[in-house]
N, C-alpha and C. Protein backbone atom coordinates (compact mmCIF):
# COMPACT_ATOMS: atom_id res chain seq x y z
N MET A 1 79.48 -57.77 -71.99
CA MET A 1 78.46 -58.46 -71.42
C MET A 1 78.99 -60.15 -71.29
N LYS A 2 79.22 -60.43 -70.52
CA LYS A 2 78.58 -62.15 -70.76
C LYS A 2 77.47 -62.19 -71.41
N ILE A 3 77.27 -63.70 -71.91
CA ILE A 3 76.40 -64.41 -72.55
C ILE A 3 75.11 -64.09 -71.17
N GLU A 4 75.88 -65.17 -69.97
CA GLU A 4 74.38 -65.10 -68.90
C GLU A 4 73.99 -64.06 -68.44
N ASP A 5 74.52 -62.61 -68.83
CA ASP A 5 74.02 -61.47 -68.18
C ASP A 5 72.74 -61.14 -69.01
N VAL A 6 72.91 -61.39 -70.00
CA VAL A 6 71.78 -60.59 -71.14
C VAL A 6 70.15 -61.68 -70.79
N ASP A 7 69.79 -60.33 -70.66
CA ASP A 7 68.33 -60.48 -69.89
C ASP A 7 67.44 -62.03 -71.18
N GLY A 8 66.52 -62.48 -70.11
CA GLY A 8 66.41 -63.40 -71.33
C GLY A 8 67.17 -64.30 -70.87
N ILE A 9 68.48 -64.32 -70.91
CA ILE A 9 69.01 -65.89 -71.57
C ILE A 9 69.61 -66.33 -70.17
N GLY A 10 69.01 -67.52 -69.40
CA GLY A 10 69.03 -68.57 -68.38
C GLY A 10 70.41 -68.84 -69.02
N LYS A 11 70.36 -70.12 -67.40
CA LYS A 11 71.85 -70.85 -67.63
C LYS A 11 71.52 -72.02 -68.55
N VAL A 12 70.35 -72.75 -68.30
CA VAL A 12 70.78 -73.61 -69.89
C VAL A 12 71.05 -72.68 -71.26
N SER A 13 70.45 -72.29 -71.24
CA SER A 13 70.21 -70.95 -72.98
C SER A 13 71.75 -70.10 -72.93
N SER A 14 72.08 -70.51 -71.70
CA SER A 14 73.38 -69.60 -72.06
C SER A 14 74.89 -71.21 -72.17
N GLY A 15 75.01 -72.41 -71.53
CA GLY A 15 75.17 -73.18 -71.83
C GLY A 15 75.35 -73.64 -72.88
N LYS A 16 74.30 -73.98 -73.83
CA LYS A 16 74.00 -73.61 -75.35
C LYS A 16 74.72 -72.87 -76.00
N LEU A 17 74.53 -72.14 -76.37
CA LEU A 17 75.88 -70.96 -77.03
C LEU A 17 77.15 -71.10 -76.78
N LYS A 18 77.21 -71.39 -74.77
CA LYS A 18 78.81 -71.20 -75.43
C LYS A 18 78.89 -72.38 -75.98
N LYS A 19 78.50 -73.23 -75.94
CA LYS A 19 78.95 -75.05 -76.50
C LYS A 19 79.49 -74.18 -77.91
N VAL A 20 78.70 -73.75 -78.61
CA VAL A 20 78.82 -72.53 -80.13
C VAL A 20 79.62 -72.28 -80.51
N GLY A 21 80.45 -71.41 -79.16
CA GLY A 21 80.73 -70.36 -79.13
C GLY A 21 80.78 -68.94 -79.48
N ILE A 22 79.41 -69.22 -78.73
CA ILE A 22 79.32 -67.90 -78.04
C ILE A 22 79.16 -67.53 -76.09
N HIS A 23 79.92 -66.46 -76.51
CA HIS A 23 79.92 -66.12 -74.99
C HIS A 23 80.27 -64.82 -74.61
N THR A 24 79.24 -64.05 -75.07
CA THR A 24 79.37 -63.01 -75.01
C THR A 24 78.31 -61.91 -75.54
N ALA A 25 77.68 -61.11 -75.13
CA ALA A 25 76.33 -60.58 -75.72
C ALA A 25 76.96 -60.12 -77.32
N GLU A 26 78.08 -59.02 -76.96
CA GLU A 26 79.13 -58.87 -78.36
C GLU A 26 79.01 -59.72 -79.76
N LYS A 27 79.05 -60.82 -78.94
CA LYS A 27 79.15 -62.04 -80.52
C LYS A 27 77.32 -62.58 -80.65
N LEU A 28 76.55 -62.46 -79.81
CA LEU A 28 75.78 -62.70 -80.40
C LEU A 28 75.03 -61.51 -81.28
N ASP A 29 75.72 -60.06 -81.03
CA ASP A 29 74.86 -59.55 -82.25
C ASP A 29 75.46 -59.51 -83.50
N GLU A 30 77.34 -59.63 -83.37
CA GLU A 30 77.59 -60.16 -84.22
C GLU A 30 77.23 -61.49 -85.35
N VAL A 31 76.93 -62.49 -84.28
CA VAL A 31 75.95 -63.09 -85.33
C VAL A 31 74.76 -63.40 -85.53
N GLY A 32 73.82 -63.32 -84.92
CA GLY A 32 72.91 -62.55 -85.01
C GLY A 32 72.27 -64.11 -84.64
N SER A 33 70.14 -63.85 -84.31
CA SER A 33 69.61 -64.43 -83.68
C SER A 33 69.34 -65.61 -84.21
N LYS A 34 69.16 -65.44 -85.58
CA LYS A 34 68.99 -66.53 -86.65
C LYS A 34 69.69 -67.57 -86.78
N ALA A 35 71.69 -66.71 -87.14
CA ALA A 35 72.37 -67.60 -87.14
C ALA A 35 72.42 -68.95 -85.79
N ALA A 36 72.27 -67.89 -84.33
CA ALA A 36 72.63 -68.75 -82.97
C ALA A 36 71.86 -69.78 -83.22
N PHE A 37 71.18 -68.97 -83.48
CA PHE A 37 69.19 -70.65 -83.33
C PHE A 37 70.03 -72.02 -84.41
N LEU A 38 70.34 -71.78 -85.22
CA LEU A 38 70.77 -72.35 -86.17
C LEU A 38 71.70 -73.44 -85.55
N LEU A 39 73.12 -72.61 -85.14
CA LEU A 39 74.40 -73.62 -84.57
C LEU A 39 73.51 -73.78 -83.60
N VAL A 40 73.31 -73.71 -82.77
CA VAL A 40 72.26 -74.69 -81.36
C VAL A 40 71.64 -75.52 -82.14
N PHE A 41 70.30 -75.39 -83.28
CA PHE A 41 69.62 -76.69 -83.38
C PHE A 41 70.15 -77.64 -83.80
N GLU A 42 71.44 -77.20 -84.94
CA GLU A 42 72.29 -78.25 -86.06
C GLU A 42 73.11 -78.57 -85.18
N ASN A 43 74.08 -78.35 -83.40
CA ASN A 43 75.36 -79.00 -83.04
C ASN A 43 74.54 -79.03 -81.76
N VAL A 44 73.54 -78.71 -80.77
CA VAL A 44 74.16 -78.72 -79.63
C VAL A 44 72.18 -79.54 -78.93
N ASP A 45 71.36 -78.78 -80.29
CA ASP A 45 69.81 -78.67 -79.48
C ASP A 45 68.48 -79.00 -80.18
N LYS A 46 68.88 -80.31 -80.75
CA LYS A 46 68.09 -80.56 -82.51
C LYS A 46 66.40 -80.18 -81.93
N SER A 47 66.10 -80.33 -80.39
CA SER A 47 64.75 -79.75 -80.25
C SER A 47 64.07 -78.14 -79.90
N ALA A 48 65.91 -77.18 -79.73
CA ALA A 48 65.26 -75.60 -79.45
C ALA A 48 63.72 -75.74 -79.77
N CYS A 49 63.16 -74.06 -79.13
CA CYS A 49 62.08 -73.58 -78.99
C CYS A 49 62.07 -72.95 -79.65
N LEU A 50 61.08 -72.58 -80.29
CA LEU A 50 60.87 -70.60 -81.17
C LEU A 50 61.02 -69.56 -79.61
N SER A 51 60.56 -70.11 -78.63
CA SER A 51 60.85 -69.45 -78.07
C SER A 51 62.23 -69.41 -77.46
N PHE A 52 63.14 -70.06 -77.56
CA PHE A 52 65.05 -69.89 -77.00
C PHE A 52 64.68 -68.94 -78.40
N LEU A 53 64.27 -68.66 -79.75
CA LEU A 53 65.10 -67.81 -80.54
C LEU A 53 64.64 -66.63 -80.46
N TYR A 54 63.80 -66.41 -79.93
CA TYR A 54 62.43 -65.26 -79.17
C TYR A 54 63.31 -64.29 -78.67
N SER A 55 64.17 -65.88 -77.32
CA SER A 55 64.86 -65.14 -75.72
C SER A 55 66.67 -64.77 -77.11
N LEU A 56 66.89 -65.40 -77.91
CA LEU A 56 67.92 -64.79 -78.69
C LEU A 56 67.69 -63.32 -79.20
N GLU A 57 67.01 -62.80 -80.42
CA GLU A 57 66.25 -62.17 -80.84
C GLU A 57 66.24 -61.05 -79.85
N ALA A 58 65.46 -60.98 -78.75
CA ALA A 58 65.54 -59.81 -77.55
C ALA A 58 66.55 -59.47 -76.79
N GLY A 59 67.54 -60.42 -77.12
CA GLY A 59 68.53 -60.66 -75.86
C GLY A 59 69.75 -59.43 -76.80
N CYS A 60 69.74 -59.85 -78.37
CA CYS A 60 70.27 -58.67 -79.22
C CYS A 60 69.56 -57.13 -79.56
N ARG A 61 68.82 -57.82 -78.88
CA ARG A 61 68.03 -55.83 -79.08
C ARG A 61 68.16 -55.62 -77.88
N ARG A 62 68.57 -56.56 -77.23
CA ARG A 62 68.29 -56.30 -75.54
C ARG A 62 66.84 -55.60 -75.19
N MET A 63 66.35 -55.99 -74.94
CA MET A 63 64.77 -56.32 -74.51
C MET A 63 64.14 -57.11 -73.60
N ARG A 64 63.12 -57.20 -73.46
CA ARG A 64 62.63 -58.24 -72.98
C ARG A 64 62.30 -59.28 -73.93
N THR A 65 61.56 -60.56 -74.76
CA THR A 65 60.72 -60.62 -75.73
C THR A 65 59.02 -60.65 -75.54
N VAL A 66 58.42 -60.31 -74.52
CA VAL A 66 57.12 -59.70 -74.75
C VAL A 66 57.03 -58.27 -75.71
N GLN A 67 58.45 -57.33 -76.20
CA GLN A 67 59.23 -55.89 -76.83
C GLN A 67 59.15 -56.02 -77.73
N LEU A 68 59.09 -58.08 -78.45
CA LEU A 68 59.29 -57.88 -79.78
C LEU A 68 58.55 -57.12 -80.51
N PRO A 69 58.68 -56.46 -81.93
CA PRO A 69 57.86 -56.12 -82.03
C PRO A 69 56.45 -57.51 -82.91
N LEU A 70 55.54 -57.77 -83.48
CA LEU A 70 54.84 -58.75 -84.06
C LEU A 70 55.54 -58.73 -85.04
N GLU A 71 55.55 -57.82 -85.91
CA GLU A 71 56.39 -58.60 -87.53
C GLU A 71 57.72 -58.99 -87.18
N THR A 72 58.44 -58.86 -86.24
CA THR A 72 59.39 -59.47 -85.96
C THR A 72 59.45 -61.00 -85.28
N LYS A 73 57.84 -61.41 -84.56
CA LYS A 73 57.70 -62.69 -84.24
C LYS A 73 57.38 -63.57 -85.00
N LYS A 74 56.62 -63.17 -86.09
CA LYS A 74 55.95 -63.54 -87.44
C LYS A 74 57.35 -63.30 -88.19
N ASP A 75 58.27 -63.25 -88.30
CA ASP A 75 59.12 -63.41 -89.54
C ASP A 75 60.38 -64.17 -88.30
N LEU A 76 60.57 -64.86 -87.34
CA LEU A 76 61.23 -65.65 -86.61
C LEU A 76 60.03 -67.05 -86.47
N GLN A 77 59.26 -67.07 -86.72
CA GLN A 77 58.19 -68.10 -86.68
C GLN A 77 58.51 -68.73 -87.69
N LYS A 78 58.47 -67.64 -89.41
CA LYS A 78 58.47 -68.68 -90.50
C LYS A 78 60.09 -69.05 -90.34
N PHE A 79 60.58 -68.02 -89.93
CA PHE A 79 62.24 -69.11 -89.85
C PHE A 79 62.66 -70.58 -89.08
N TYR A 80 61.73 -70.21 -88.55
CA TYR A 80 61.28 -71.65 -87.12
C TYR A 80 60.94 -72.40 -88.14
N LYS A 81 59.46 -72.18 -88.56
CA LYS A 81 58.87 -73.45 -89.60
C LYS A 81 59.27 -73.68 -90.68
N SER A 82 61.06 -73.05 -91.28
CA SER A 82 61.63 -73.54 -92.66
C SER A 82 62.22 -74.69 -91.60
N LEU A 83 62.40 -74.21 -90.57
CA LEU A 83 64.09 -75.60 -90.42
C LEU A 83 63.13 -76.72 -89.83
N LYS A 84 61.75 -76.82 -89.68
CA LYS A 84 61.27 -78.45 -89.06
C LYS A 84 60.70 -79.27 -90.22
């Protein structure tokens, strides 16, 4: 599946992911949400936000961001804060 076809990954986000070599949902699954976020953060967009990280995780799980478990969101918040 093309990365832009993943629910919650829009045109802008898919463009950023493609710049770091993530063109498919399967590649996102392989890389993982945190590593994909880090690639974008370090190479494309230093201002990448927590919502983008949530979208990546939700994309890996093929769900909407509002469906992410609270514990997952807390873990992602901790990871995000460690980068700032």
